[in-house]
Amino acid sequence: MEQPSVDELKNWRNVMLLHRFALEEVNTKLKILNEEFQFIHDYNPMEHLKSRVKSLESIGAKLEKRNLDITPENALKHVHDIAGIRITCSFVSDIFRIHEMLAGQNDITIKRVKDYVTNPKPNGYRSLHLLCEVPIFLTNRSEKMTVEIQIRTVAMDFWASLEHKIYYKYQQEAPVELVKELQDAARIITHLDEKMKNLNDQIDQYKKEKEK
């Protein structure tokens, strides 16, 4: 990669800044929705929020993989997950509840949905991926930016984190036996999520009967 010019460096800084602003907009909205839900329903659907802006190295690697020039313009046009937020929640039902809450916001447009909860990846990965467009308001203009939101249960997040570490160690080429073990673990995680949901439903039913 050639040494970038002063103007190109400025454009890269602008790309990163715009995505950081977009993250702040969406993070604020998620926190408000979560607190309001807690106030109305006495229940917190979002356990944890984690956000990040991709590094320049990661953006460059993604463009390179697509045989595209590593430029700020290509980053804005072709890399849609520069700004990313991961939401972890307790139950599978919370995943779709959060999706509905976001879909109901006038200033967020959900451009794409990848439902790996209903249709897991072959390796067992489960999560709901939303590609959202959000306006950010600057001193002299507004910009529409994309933010990728991943929503998963705590159990799904635990599995995904370990799977990522294992594949990193094997440089993306894990032995067949290990792949099978990971798939088995994913099935156990799915069963655990179902078990916890059933327990929660039983508790809710018990509370309703006591309130009668």
N, C-alpha and C. Protein backbone atom coordinates (compact mmCIF):
# COMPACT_ATOMS: atom_id res chain seq x y z
N MET A 1 0.86 -1.20 0.00
CA MET A 1 0.00 0.00 0.00
C MET A 1 0.89 1.25 0.00
N GLU A 2 0.59 2.19 -0.94
CA GLU A 2 1.39 3.41 -1.04
C GLU A 2 1.14 4.31 0.17
N GLN A 3 2.14 5.13 0.44
CA GLN A 3 2.00 6.09 1.53
C GLN A 3 0.89 7.08 1.18
N PRO A 4 -0.15 7.20 2.05
CA PRO A 4 -1.26 8.09 1.72
C PRO A 4 -0.85 9.56 1.78
N SER A 5 -1.51 10.36 0.95
CA SER A 5 -1.24 11.80 0.94
C SER A 5 -1.90 12.45 2.16
N VAL A 6 -1.61 13.72 2.37
CA VAL A 6 -2.20 14.45 3.49
C VAL A 6 -3.72 14.49 3.36
N ASP A 7 -4.20 14.74 2.13
CA ASP A 7 -5.66 14.79 1.89
C ASP A 7 -6.31 13.43 2.15
N GLU A 8 -5.63 12.36 1.73
CA GLU A 8 -6.20 11.02 1.92
C GLU A 8 -6.25 10.67 3.41
N LEU A 9 -5.22 11.04 4.14
CA LEU A 9 -5.22 10.81 5.60
C LEU A 9 -6.37 11.56 6.26
N LYS A 10 -6.61 12.79 5.79
CA LYS A 10 -7.72 13.57 6.32
C LYS A 10 -9.05 12.88 6.02
N ASN A 11 -9.17 12.33 4.81
CA ASN A 11 -10.40 11.62 4.42
C ASN A 11 -10.60 10.35 5.25
N TRP A 12 -9.51 9.65 5.56
CA TRP A 12 -9.61 8.47 6.41
C TRP A 12 -10.07 8.86 7.82
N ARG A 13 -9.52 9.94 8.34
CA ARG A 13 -9.93 10.40 9.67
C ARG A 13 -11.41 10.76 9.67
N ASN A 14 -11.87 11.34 8.56
CA ASN A 14 -13.28 11.70 8.44
C ASN A 14 -14.17 10.45 8.45
N VAL A 15 -13.73 9.41 7.72
CA VAL A 15 -14.48 8.15 7.69
C VAL A 15 -14.62 7.58 9.10
N MET A 16 -13.53 7.54 9.83
CA MET A 16 -13.56 6.97 11.18
C MET A 16 -14.41 7.82 12.13
N LEU A 17 -14.31 9.15 11.96
CA LEU A 17 -15.07 10.07 12.83
C LEU A 17 -16.57 9.91 12.59
N LEU A 18 -16.98 9.85 11.33
CA LEU A 18 -18.40 9.71 11.00
C LEU A 18 -18.97 8.43 11.59
N HIS A 19 -18.20 7.35 11.53
CA HIS A 19 -18.68 6.08 12.08
C HIS A 19 -18.73 6.11 13.61
N ARG A 20 -17.81 6.83 14.21
CA ARG A 20 -17.85 6.97 15.67
C ARG A 20 -19.09 7.76 16.09
N PHE A 21 -19.41 8.80 15.33
CA PHE A 21 -20.62 9.57 15.62
C PHE A 21 -21.86 8.69 15.48
N ALA A 22 -21.88 7.85 14.43
CA ALA A 22 -23.02 6.96 14.20
C ALA A 22 -23.19 5.99 15.36
N LEU A 23 -22.07 5.47 15.85
CA LEU A 23 -22.12 4.57 17.01
C LEU A 23 -22.72 5.27 18.23
N GLU A 24 -22.30 6.51 18.45
CA GLU A 24 -22.80 7.25 19.61
C GLU A 24 -24.30 7.49 19.50
N GLU A 25 -24.78 7.78 18.28
CA GLU A 25 -26.22 7.98 18.05
C GLU A 25 -27.00 6.71 18.39
N VAL A 26 -26.54 5.58 17.87
CA VAL A 26 -27.28 4.33 18.07
C VAL A 26 -27.15 3.85 19.51
N ASN A 27 -25.97 3.98 20.09
CA ASN A 27 -25.80 3.59 21.50
C ASN A 27 -26.74 4.37 22.41
N THR A 28 -26.84 5.67 22.17
CA THR A 28 -27.74 6.50 22.98
C THR A 28 -29.18 6.03 22.83
N LYS A 29 -29.59 5.76 21.59
CA LYS A 29 -30.96 5.30 21.34
C LYS A 29 -31.23 3.97 22.04
N LEU A 30 -30.28 3.04 21.96
CA LEU A 30 -30.46 1.73 22.60
C LEU A 30 -30.59 1.86 24.12
N LYS A 31 -29.78 2.73 24.71
CA LYS A 31 -29.84 2.92 26.16
C LYS A 31 -31.17 3.52 26.58
N ILE A 32 -31.67 4.47 25.79
CA ILE A 32 -32.98 5.08 26.09
C ILE A 32 -34.08 4.02 25.99
N LEU A 33 -34.08 3.24 24.92
CA LEU A 33 -35.10 2.20 24.74
C LEU A 33 -35.05 1.18 25.88
N ASN A 34 -33.85 0.83 26.28
CA ASN A 34 -33.68 -0.16 27.35
C ASN A 34 -34.21 0.36 28.69
N GLU A 35 -33.87 1.62 28.98
CA GLU A 35 -34.33 2.21 30.25
C GLU A 35 -35.84 2.40 30.26
N GLU A 36 -36.39 2.80 29.11
CA GLU A 36 -37.85 2.98 29.03
C GLU A 36 -38.56 1.64 29.21
N PHE A 37 -38.03 0.61 28.57
CA PHE A 37 -38.62 -0.73 28.69
C PHE A 37 -38.57 -1.20 30.15
N GLN A 38 -37.46 -0.92 30.80
CA GLN A 38 -37.31 -1.28 32.21
C GLN A 38 -38.35 -0.54 33.06
N PHE A 39 -38.57 0.73 32.76
CA PHE A 39 -39.53 1.54 33.51
C PHE A 39 -40.96 1.04 33.32
N ILE A 40 -41.32 0.71 32.06
CA ILE A 40 -42.70 0.31 31.76
C ILE A 40 -42.98 -1.13 32.19
N HIS A 41 -42.05 -2.03 31.90
CA HIS A 41 -42.30 -3.45 32.09
C HIS A 41 -41.55 -4.07 33.27
N ASP A 42 -40.74 -3.25 33.94
CA ASP A 42 -39.92 -3.75 35.04
C ASP A 42 -39.05 -4.92 34.60
N TYR A 43 -38.49 -4.76 33.42
CA TYR A 43 -37.68 -5.84 32.83
C TYR A 43 -36.67 -5.22 31.87
N ASN A 44 -35.47 -5.75 31.85
CA ASN A 44 -34.38 -5.21 31.06
C ASN A 44 -34.01 -6.18 29.94
N PRO A 45 -34.41 -5.90 28.68
CA PRO A 45 -34.13 -6.87 27.60
C PRO A 45 -32.67 -6.92 27.16
N MET A 46 -31.92 -5.83 27.40
CA MET A 46 -30.52 -5.79 26.97
C MET A 46 -29.60 -5.93 28.18
N GLU A 47 -28.86 -7.01 28.21
CA GLU A 47 -27.94 -7.26 29.32
C GLU A 47 -26.66 -6.43 29.19
N HIS A 48 -26.16 -6.34 27.94
CA HIS A 48 -24.86 -5.69 27.76
C HIS A 48 -24.75 -5.15 26.34
N LEU A 49 -24.13 -3.97 26.21
CA LEU A 49 -23.86 -3.37 24.90
C LEU A 49 -22.35 -3.21 24.73
N LYS A 50 -21.87 -3.60 23.58
CA LYS A 50 -20.45 -3.42 23.29
C LYS A 50 -20.32 -2.88 21.87
N SER A 51 -19.58 -1.79 21.70
CA SER A 51 -19.46 -1.19 20.37
C SER A 51 -17.99 -1.00 20.00
N ARG A 52 -17.76 -0.94 18.70
CA ARG A 52 -16.39 -0.73 18.22
C ARG A 52 -16.43 -0.16 16.80
N VAL A 53 -15.37 0.58 16.46
CA VAL A 53 -15.12 1.00 15.08
C VAL A 53 -13.97 0.15 14.56
N LYS A 54 -14.16 -0.46 13.40
CA LYS A 54 -13.10 -1.31 12.84
C LYS A 54 -11.79 -0.53 12.70
N SER A 55 -10.69 -1.22 12.88
CA SER A 55 -9.38 -0.60 12.68
C SER A 55 -9.13 -0.40 11.18
N LEU A 56 -8.23 0.52 10.86
CA LEU A 56 -7.87 0.75 9.46
C LEU A 56 -7.31 -0.51 8.82
N GLU A 57 -6.58 -1.30 9.64
CA GLU A 57 -6.00 -2.55 9.13
C GLU A 57 -7.10 -3.52 8.71
N SER A 58 -8.15 -3.63 9.55
CA SER A 58 -9.26 -4.54 9.25
C SER A 58 -10.05 -4.08 8.03
N ILE A 59 -10.24 -2.76 7.93
CA ILE A 59 -10.95 -2.22 6.76
C ILE A 59 -10.15 -2.51 5.49
N GLY A 60 -8.83 -2.26 5.56
CA GLY A 60 -7.96 -2.51 4.41
C GLY A 60 -7.97 -3.97 3.99
N ALA A 61 -7.94 -4.88 4.98
CA ALA A 61 -7.94 -6.32 4.68
C ALA A 61 -9.24 -6.73 4.00
N LYS A 62 -10.36 -6.13 4.42
CA LYS A 62 -11.65 -6.46 3.83
C LYS A 62 -11.74 -5.98 2.38
N LEU A 63 -11.23 -4.79 2.13
CA LEU A 63 -11.22 -4.26 0.76
C LEU A 63 -10.30 -5.08 -0.13
N GLU A 64 -9.15 -5.45 0.42
CA GLU A 64 -8.18 -6.25 -0.32
C GLU A 64 -8.77 -7.60 -0.71
N LYS A 65 -9.52 -8.19 0.22
CA LYS A 65 -10.16 -9.50 -0.01
C LYS A 65 -11.15 -9.41 -1.18
N ARG A 66 -11.74 -8.23 -1.36
CA ARG A 66 -12.71 -8.03 -2.44
C ARG A 66 -12.05 -7.46 -3.71
N ASN A 67 -10.71 -7.43 -3.70
CA ASN A 67 -9.94 -6.90 -4.83
C ASN A 67 -10.30 -5.45 -5.15
N LEU A 68 -10.50 -4.67 -4.08
CA LEU A 68 -10.80 -3.25 -4.23
C LEU A 68 -9.64 -2.41 -3.72
N ASP A 69 -9.46 -1.25 -4.32
CA ASP A 69 -8.41 -0.34 -3.85
C ASP A 69 -8.71 0.10 -2.43
N ILE A 70 -7.66 0.25 -1.63
CA ILE A 70 -7.84 0.66 -0.24
C ILE A 70 -7.90 2.18 -0.18
N THR A 71 -9.13 2.68 -0.32
CA THR A 71 -9.36 4.12 -0.30
C THR A 71 -10.51 4.44 0.65
N PRO A 72 -10.56 5.67 1.17
CA PRO A 72 -11.68 6.06 2.03
C PRO A 72 -13.02 5.94 1.32
N GLU A 73 -13.03 6.27 0.02
CA GLU A 73 -14.27 6.21 -0.76
C GLU A 73 -14.79 4.77 -0.84
N ASN A 74 -13.90 3.82 -1.09
CA ASN A 74 -14.31 2.41 -1.16
C ASN A 74 -14.74 1.88 0.21
N ALA A 75 -14.08 2.39 1.25
CA ALA A 75 -14.47 1.97 2.61
C ALA A 75 -15.91 2.38 2.90
N LEU A 76 -16.26 3.62 2.56
CA LEU A 76 -17.62 4.11 2.79
C LEU A 76 -18.64 3.36 1.94
N LYS A 77 -18.26 3.04 0.72
CA LYS A 77 -19.20 2.44 -0.23
C LYS A 77 -19.37 0.93 -0.03
N HIS A 78 -18.28 0.23 0.34
CA HIS A 78 -18.31 -1.23 0.30
C HIS A 78 -18.19 -1.94 1.66
N VAL A 79 -17.72 -1.25 2.69
CA VAL A 79 -17.56 -1.90 4.00
C VAL A 79 -18.65 -1.37 4.93
N HIS A 80 -19.65 -2.20 5.17
CA HIS A 80 -20.84 -1.74 5.89
C HIS A 80 -20.81 -2.03 7.39
N ASP A 81 -19.75 -2.70 7.84
CA ASP A 81 -19.68 -3.02 9.27
C ASP A 81 -18.51 -2.31 9.96
N ILE A 82 -18.15 -1.14 9.45
CA ILE A 82 -17.08 -0.36 10.10
C ILE A 82 -17.49 -0.01 11.52
N ALA A 83 -18.74 0.42 11.68
CA ALA A 83 -19.30 0.67 13.01
C ALA A 83 -20.14 -0.54 13.40
N GLY A 84 -19.85 -1.11 14.56
CA GLY A 84 -20.57 -2.30 14.98
C GLY A 84 -20.95 -2.27 16.45
N ILE A 85 -22.14 -2.78 16.74
CA ILE A 85 -22.63 -2.89 18.11
C ILE A 85 -23.08 -4.32 18.36
N ARG A 86 -22.67 -4.88 19.49
CA ARG A 86 -23.13 -6.21 19.88
C ARG A 86 -23.99 -6.08 21.13
N ILE A 87 -25.20 -6.60 21.04
CA ILE A 87 -26.12 -6.60 22.17
C ILE A 87 -26.28 -8.03 22.66
N THR A 88 -26.06 -8.24 23.95
CA THR A 88 -26.34 -9.55 24.53
C THR A 88 -27.56 -9.44 25.43
N CYS A 89 -28.39 -10.48 25.39
CA CYS A 89 -29.62 -10.49 26.18
C CYS A 89 -29.79 -11.88 26.81
N SER A 90 -30.79 -12.00 27.65
CA SER A 90 -30.97 -13.25 28.41
C SER A 90 -31.65 -14.35 27.60
N PHE A 91 -32.69 -13.97 26.86
CA PHE A 91 -33.52 -14.97 26.20
C PHE A 91 -33.65 -14.72 24.70
N VAL A 92 -33.92 -15.78 23.95
CA VAL A 92 -34.08 -15.66 22.50
C VAL A 92 -35.21 -14.69 22.17
N SER A 93 -36.28 -14.71 22.96
CA SER A 93 -37.41 -13.80 22.71
C SER A 93 -36.97 -12.34 22.79
N ASP A 94 -35.96 -12.05 23.63
CA ASP A 94 -35.45 -10.68 23.74
C ASP A 94 -34.82 -10.21 22.43
N ILE A 95 -34.19 -11.13 21.71
CA ILE A 95 -33.54 -10.79 20.44
C ILE A 95 -34.55 -10.16 19.49
N PHE A 96 -35.68 -10.84 19.34
CA PHE A 96 -36.69 -10.37 18.39
C PHE A 96 -37.47 -9.17 18.95
N ARG A 97 -37.55 -9.07 20.26
CA ARG A 97 -38.18 -7.89 20.89
C ARG A 97 -37.33 -6.64 20.60
N ILE A 98 -36.02 -6.77 20.73
CA ILE A 98 -35.12 -5.64 20.45
C ILE A 98 -35.20 -5.26 18.97
N HIS A 99 -35.28 -6.27 18.10
CA HIS A 99 -35.42 -6.02 16.66
C HIS A 99 -36.68 -5.20 16.40
N GLU A 100 -37.79 -5.57 17.02
CA GLU A 100 -39.05 -4.85 16.85
C GLU A 100 -38.94 -3.40 17.35
N MET A 101 -38.27 -3.24 18.49
CA MET A 101 -38.09 -1.90 19.05
C MET A 101 -37.32 -1.01 18.08
N LEU A 102 -36.26 -1.54 17.49
CA LEU A 102 -35.45 -0.77 16.55
C LEU A 102 -36.23 -0.48 15.26
N ALA A 103 -36.98 -1.48 14.79
CA ALA A 103 -37.76 -1.30 13.56
C ALA A 103 -38.83 -0.23 13.72
N GLY A 104 -39.25 0.02 14.96
CA GLY A 104 -40.29 1.00 15.22
C GLY A 104 -39.78 2.43 15.34
N GLN A 105 -38.47 2.63 15.22
CA GLN A 105 -37.88 3.98 15.33
C GLN A 105 -37.91 4.69 13.98
N ASN A 106 -38.41 5.93 13.98
CA ASN A 106 -38.54 6.68 12.73
C ASN A 106 -37.20 7.08 12.11
N ASP A 107 -36.18 7.23 12.95
CA ASP A 107 -34.90 7.72 12.43
C ASP A 107 -33.88 6.60 12.22
N ILE A 108 -34.32 5.36 12.29
CA ILE A 108 -33.45 4.23 11.97
C ILE A 108 -34.10 3.42 10.85
N THR A 109 -33.34 3.15 9.81
CA THR A 109 -33.83 2.31 8.72
C THR A 109 -33.04 1.01 8.73
N ILE A 110 -33.75 -0.10 8.86
CA ILE A 110 -33.09 -1.40 8.82
C ILE A 110 -32.99 -1.83 7.36
N LYS A 111 -31.76 -1.83 6.85
CA LYS A 111 -31.52 -2.10 5.44
C LYS A 111 -31.41 -3.59 5.13
N ARG A 112 -30.97 -4.36 6.12
CA ARG A 112 -30.77 -5.80 5.87
C ARG A 112 -30.86 -6.57 7.17
N VAL A 113 -31.45 -7.73 7.10
CA VAL A 113 -31.56 -8.62 8.26
C VAL A 113 -30.98 -9.98 7.89
N LYS A 114 -30.06 -10.47 8.71
CA LYS A 114 -29.55 -11.84 8.56
C LYS A 114 -29.89 -12.60 9.85
N ASP A 115 -30.84 -13.51 9.74
CA ASP A 115 -31.34 -14.22 10.91
C ASP A 115 -30.65 -15.58 11.06
N TYR A 116 -29.53 -15.55 11.79
CA TYR A 116 -28.82 -16.80 12.07
C TYR A 116 -29.31 -17.46 13.36
N VAL A 117 -30.38 -16.89 13.94
CA VAL A 117 -31.00 -17.51 15.12
C VAL A 117 -31.96 -18.60 14.64
N THR A 118 -32.86 -18.21 13.73
CA THR A 118 -33.80 -19.17 13.15
C THR A 118 -33.09 -20.12 12.20
N ASN A 119 -32.11 -19.60 11.47
CA ASN A 119 -31.35 -20.40 10.50
C ASN A 119 -29.86 -20.30 10.81
N PRO A 120 -29.37 -21.11 11.76
CA PRO A 120 -27.95 -21.04 12.16
C PRO A 120 -27.01 -21.36 11.00
N LYS A 121 -25.79 -20.83 11.09
CA LYS A 121 -24.77 -21.20 10.11
C LYS A 121 -24.41 -22.68 10.28
N PRO A 122 -23.84 -23.31 9.26
CA PRO A 122 -23.49 -24.74 9.37
C PRO A 122 -22.60 -25.08 10.56
N ASN A 123 -21.75 -24.14 10.98
CA ASN A 123 -20.86 -24.42 12.12
C ASN A 123 -21.56 -24.29 13.48
N GLY A 124 -22.83 -23.83 13.45
CA GLY A 124 -23.59 -23.70 14.70
C GLY A 124 -23.76 -22.28 15.18
N TYR A 125 -23.14 -21.32 14.49
CA TYR A 125 -23.21 -19.91 14.89
C TYR A 125 -24.65 -19.41 14.83
N ARG A 126 -25.07 -18.71 15.91
CA ARG A 126 -26.41 -18.14 15.97
C ARG A 126 -26.34 -16.69 16.45
N SER A 127 -27.05 -15.82 15.75
CA SER A 127 -27.08 -14.41 16.10
C SER A 127 -28.01 -13.73 15.10
N LEU A 128 -28.56 -12.58 15.47
CA LEU A 128 -29.35 -11.80 14.53
C LEU A 128 -28.52 -10.58 14.13
N HIS A 129 -28.29 -10.41 12.83
CA HIS A 129 -27.51 -9.30 12.33
C HIS A 129 -28.42 -8.29 11.63
N LEU A 130 -28.36 -7.05 12.06
CA LEU A 130 -29.14 -5.98 11.44
C LEU A 130 -28.18 -4.94 10.87
N LEU A 131 -28.38 -4.58 9.62
CA LEU A 131 -27.62 -3.49 9.05
C LEU A 131 -28.54 -2.27 9.05
N CYS A 132 -28.19 -1.29 9.88
CA CYS A 132 -29.06 -0.13 10.10
C CYS A 132 -28.44 1.13 9.51
N GLU A 133 -29.32 2.00 9.03
CA GLU A 133 -28.88 3.30 8.54
C GLU A 133 -29.41 4.36 9.49
N VAL A 134 -28.54 5.25 9.93
CA VAL A 134 -28.92 6.28 10.90
C VAL A 134 -28.36 7.64 10.45
N PRO A 135 -29.16 8.71 10.57
CA PRO A 135 -28.63 10.03 10.20
C PRO A 135 -27.80 10.62 11.34
N ILE A 136 -26.72 11.27 10.99
CA ILE A 136 -25.96 12.04 11.98
C ILE A 136 -25.94 13.49 11.50
N PHE A 137 -26.09 14.41 12.44
CA PHE A 137 -26.23 15.82 12.10
C PHE A 137 -24.96 16.58 12.48
N LEU A 138 -24.35 17.17 11.46
CA LEU A 138 -23.10 17.89 11.62
C LEU A 138 -23.36 19.40 11.55
N THR A 139 -22.32 20.19 11.62
CA THR A 139 -22.51 21.65 11.66
C THR A 139 -23.16 22.20 10.39
N ASN A 140 -22.82 21.61 9.24
CA ASN A 140 -23.32 22.17 7.98
C ASN A 140 -24.04 21.16 7.09
N ARG A 141 -24.27 19.96 7.61
CA ARG A 141 -24.93 18.93 6.79
C ARG A 141 -25.33 17.75 7.67
N SER A 142 -26.08 16.85 7.07
CA SER A 142 -26.36 15.57 7.74
C SER A 142 -25.86 14.45 6.83
N GLU A 143 -25.49 13.34 7.45
CA GLU A 143 -24.99 12.18 6.71
C GLU A 143 -25.74 10.94 7.18
N LYS A 144 -26.05 10.05 6.24
CA LYS A 144 -26.64 8.77 6.61
C LYS A 144 -25.52 7.74 6.68
N MET A 145 -25.37 7.12 7.86
CA MET A 145 -24.29 6.16 8.08
C MET A 145 -24.87 4.79 8.43
N THR A 146 -24.10 3.76 8.12
CA THR A 146 -24.54 2.40 8.44
C THR A 146 -23.85 1.89 9.71
N VAL A 147 -24.62 1.18 10.49
CA VAL A 147 -24.11 0.54 11.71
C VAL A 147 -24.62 -0.89 11.71
N GLU A 148 -23.74 -1.85 11.92
CA GLU A 148 -24.18 -3.24 12.03
C GLU A 148 -24.44 -3.56 13.50
N ILE A 149 -25.61 -4.11 13.76
CA ILE A 149 -25.99 -4.50 15.12
C ILE A 149 -26.14 -6.01 15.16
N GLN A 150 -25.42 -6.65 16.06
CA GLN A 150 -25.55 -8.10 16.28
C GLN A 150 -26.24 -8.30 17.62
N ILE A 151 -27.30 -9.10 17.60
CA ILE A 151 -28.06 -9.36 18.83
C ILE A 151 -28.04 -10.86 19.09
N ARG A 152 -27.64 -11.24 20.30
CA ARG A 152 -27.56 -12.67 20.63
C ARG A 152 -27.74 -12.85 22.13
N THR A 153 -28.03 -14.07 22.54
CA THR A 153 -28.13 -14.35 23.98
C THR A 153 -26.73 -14.46 24.56
N VAL A 154 -26.68 -14.42 25.88
CA VAL A 154 -25.39 -14.56 26.58
C VAL A 154 -24.75 -15.90 26.22
N ALA A 155 -25.58 -16.95 26.13
CA ALA A 155 -25.07 -18.28 25.80
C ALA A 155 -24.51 -18.31 24.37
N MET A 156 -25.22 -17.70 23.42
CA MET A 156 -24.73 -17.63 22.03
C MET A 156 -23.42 -16.86 21.96
N ASP A 157 -23.33 -15.79 22.73
CA ASP A 157 -22.13 -14.95 22.73
C ASP A 157 -20.92 -15.72 23.28
N PHE A 158 -21.17 -16.51 24.33
CA PHE A 158 -20.12 -17.34 24.92
C PHE A 158 -19.57 -18.31 23.88
N TRP A 159 -20.49 -18.98 23.15
CA TRP A 159 -20.07 -19.94 22.13
C TRP A 159 -19.29 -19.24 21.02
N ALA A 160 -19.81 -18.11 20.53
CA ALA A 160 -19.18 -17.39 19.42
C ALA A 160 -17.78 -16.91 19.79
N SER A 161 -17.62 -16.46 21.03
CA SER A 161 -16.32 -15.97 21.49
C SER A 161 -15.29 -17.10 21.50
N LEU A 162 -15.69 -18.26 22.03
CA LEU A 162 -14.77 -19.40 22.08
C LEU A 162 -14.46 -19.92 20.67
N GLU A 163 -15.48 -19.96 19.82
CA GLU A 163 -15.28 -20.44 18.45
C GLU A 163 -14.27 -19.55 17.72
N HIS A 164 -14.39 -18.25 17.93
CA HIS A 164 -13.47 -17.30 17.28
C HIS A 164 -12.04 -17.52 17.76
N LYS A 165 -11.87 -17.73 19.08
CA LYS A 165 -10.53 -17.96 19.63
C LYS A 165 -9.92 -19.25 19.09
N ILE A 166 -10.72 -20.30 19.01
CA ILE A 166 -10.23 -21.59 18.52
C ILE A 166 -9.79 -21.48 17.06
N TYR A 167 -10.63 -20.85 16.22
CA TYR A 167 -10.29 -20.72 14.81
C TYR A 167 -9.07 -19.81 14.61
N TYR A 168 -8.92 -18.81 15.48
CA TYR A 168 -7.76 -17.93 15.39
C TYR A 168 -6.48 -18.73 15.65
N LYS A 169 -6.54 -19.63 16.63
CA LYS A 169 -5.36 -20.45 16.95
C LYS A 169 -4.99 -21.36 15.78
N TYR A 170 -6.03 -21.88 15.10
CA TYR A 170 -5.77 -22.79 13.99
C TYR A 170 -5.70 -22.07 12.64
N GLN A 171 -5.67 -20.74 12.68
CA GLN A 171 -5.60 -19.92 11.47
C GLN A 171 -6.69 -20.30 10.48
N GLN A 172 -7.92 -20.38 10.99
CA GLN A 172 -9.14 -20.63 10.21
C GLN A 172 -9.26 -22.06 9.68
N GLU A 173 -8.35 -22.96 10.04
CA GLU A 173 -8.42 -24.34 9.54
C GLU A 173 -8.37 -25.32 10.71
N ALA A 174 -9.49 -25.40 11.42
CA ALA A 174 -9.57 -26.30 12.57
C ALA A 174 -9.77 -27.75 12.09
N PRO A 175 -9.25 -28.75 12.85
CA PRO A 175 -9.43 -30.16 12.48
C PRO A 175 -10.92 -30.53 12.44
N VAL A 176 -11.25 -31.51 11.61
CA VAL A 176 -12.65 -31.93 11.43
C VAL A 176 -13.29 -32.32 12.76
N GLU A 177 -12.52 -33.02 13.61
CA GLU A 177 -13.05 -33.47 14.91
C GLU A 177 -13.46 -32.28 15.77
N LEU A 178 -12.63 -31.24 15.72
CA LEU A 178 -12.90 -30.05 16.52
C LEU A 178 -14.13 -29.31 16.00
N VAL A 179 -14.28 -29.27 14.69
CA VAL A 179 -15.46 -28.64 14.08
C VAL A 179 -16.73 -29.34 14.55
N LYS A 180 -16.68 -30.68 14.60
CA LYS A 180 -17.84 -31.46 15.05
C LYS A 180 -18.14 -31.17 16.52
N GLU A 181 -17.09 -31.06 17.33
CA GLU A 181 -17.28 -30.75 18.75
C GLU A 181 -17.93 -29.38 18.93
N LEU A 182 -17.51 -28.43 18.11
CA LEU A 182 -18.10 -27.09 18.17
C LEU A 182 -19.58 -27.12 17.78
N GLN A 183 -19.91 -27.92 16.77
CA GLN A 183 -21.31 -28.06 16.36
C GLN A 183 -22.14 -28.69 17.48
N ASP A 184 -21.56 -29.69 18.14
CA ASP A 184 -22.25 -30.32 19.28
C ASP A 184 -22.47 -29.31 20.41
N ALA A 185 -21.43 -28.50 20.66
CA ALA A 185 -21.53 -27.48 21.71
C ALA A 185 -22.62 -26.46 21.37
N ALA A 186 -22.73 -26.12 20.09
CA ALA A 186 -23.76 -25.17 19.64
C ALA A 186 -25.16 -25.73 19.90
N ARG A 187 -25.33 -27.05 19.68
CA ARG A 187 -26.63 -27.68 19.96
C ARG A 187 -26.95 -27.64 21.46
N ILE A 188 -25.92 -27.83 22.28
CA ILE A 188 -26.11 -27.75 23.74
C ILE A 188 -26.52 -26.33 24.14
N ILE A 189 -25.87 -25.34 23.53
CA ILE A 189 -26.19 -23.94 23.80
C ILE A 189 -27.64 -23.64 23.43
N THR A 190 -28.07 -24.16 22.28
CA THR A 190 -29.46 -23.96 21.84
C THR A 190 -30.44 -24.58 22.84
N HIS A 191 -30.10 -25.79 23.32
CA HIS A 191 -30.95 -26.45 24.31
C HIS A 191 -30.99 -25.64 25.62
N LEU A 192 -29.84 -25.08 25.99
CA LEU A 192 -29.77 -24.26 27.21
C LEU A 192 -30.65 -23.03 27.09
N ASP A 193 -30.61 -22.36 25.93
CA ASP A 193 -31.45 -21.18 25.71
C ASP A 193 -32.93 -21.55 25.83
N GLU A 194 -33.31 -22.69 25.26
CA GLU A 194 -34.71 -23.14 25.32
C GLU A 194 -35.11 -23.46 26.76
N LYS A 195 -34.19 -24.10 27.49
CA LYS A 195 -34.45 -24.46 28.89
C LYS A 195 -34.65 -23.21 29.75
N MET A 196 -33.79 -22.22 29.56
CA MET A 196 -33.88 -21.00 30.35
C MET A 196 -35.15 -20.22 30.02
N LYS A 197 -35.56 -20.24 28.75
CA LYS A 197 -36.80 -19.57 28.36
C LYS A 197 -38.00 -20.24 29.03
N ASN A 198 -38.00 -21.59 29.03
CA ASN A 198 -39.10 -22.32 29.68
C ASN A 198 -39.17 -22.01 31.17
N LEU A 199 -38.01 -21.95 31.82
CA LEU A 199 -37.98 -21.62 33.24
C LEU A 199 -38.52 -20.21 33.48
N ASN A 200 -38.12 -19.28 32.62
CA ASN A 200 -38.59 -17.90 32.75
C ASN A 200 -40.11 -17.81 32.55
N ASP A 201 -40.62 -18.56 31.57
CA ASP A 201 -42.06 -18.58 31.32
C ASP A 201 -42.82 -19.12 32.53
N GLN A 202 -42.25 -20.16 33.17
CA GLN A 202 -42.88 -20.74 34.36
C GLN A 202 -42.91 -19.73 35.51
N ILE A 203 -41.82 -18.98 35.68
CA ILE A 203 -41.76 -17.96 36.74
C ILE A 203 -42.80 -16.87 36.49
N ASP A 204 -42.90 -16.43 35.21
CA ASP A 204 -43.87 -15.39 34.86
C ASP A 204 -45.30 -15.87 35.15
N GLN A 205 -45.57 -17.13 34.80
CA GLN A 205 -46.89 -17.69 35.04
C GLN A 205 -47.20 -17.77 36.54
N TYR A 206 -46.19 -18.15 37.30
CA TYR A 206 -46.35 -18.24 38.77
C TYR A 206 -46.66 -16.86 39.37
N LYS A 207 -45.95 -15.83 38.88
CA LYS A 207 -46.17 -14.46 39.37
C LYS A 207 -47.58 -13.98 39.04
N LYS A 208 -48.06 -14.30 37.81
CA LYS A 208 -49.40 -13.88 37.41
C LYS A 208 -50.46 -14.53 38.28
N GLU A 209 -50.26 -15.81 38.59
CA GLU A 209 -51.24 -16.54 39.42
C GLU A 209 -51.26 -15.98 40.85
N LYS A 210 -50.10 -15.57 41.35
CA LYS A 210 -50.03 -15.01 42.70
C LYS A 210 -50.70 -13.64 42.78
N GLU A 211 -50.67 -12.90 41.66
CA GLU A 211 -51.23 -11.55 41.63
C GLU A 211 -52.76 -11.55 41.50
N LYS A 212 -53.34 -12.72 41.17
CA LYS A 212 -54.80 -12.79 41.00
C LYS A 212 -55.50 -12.61 42.35
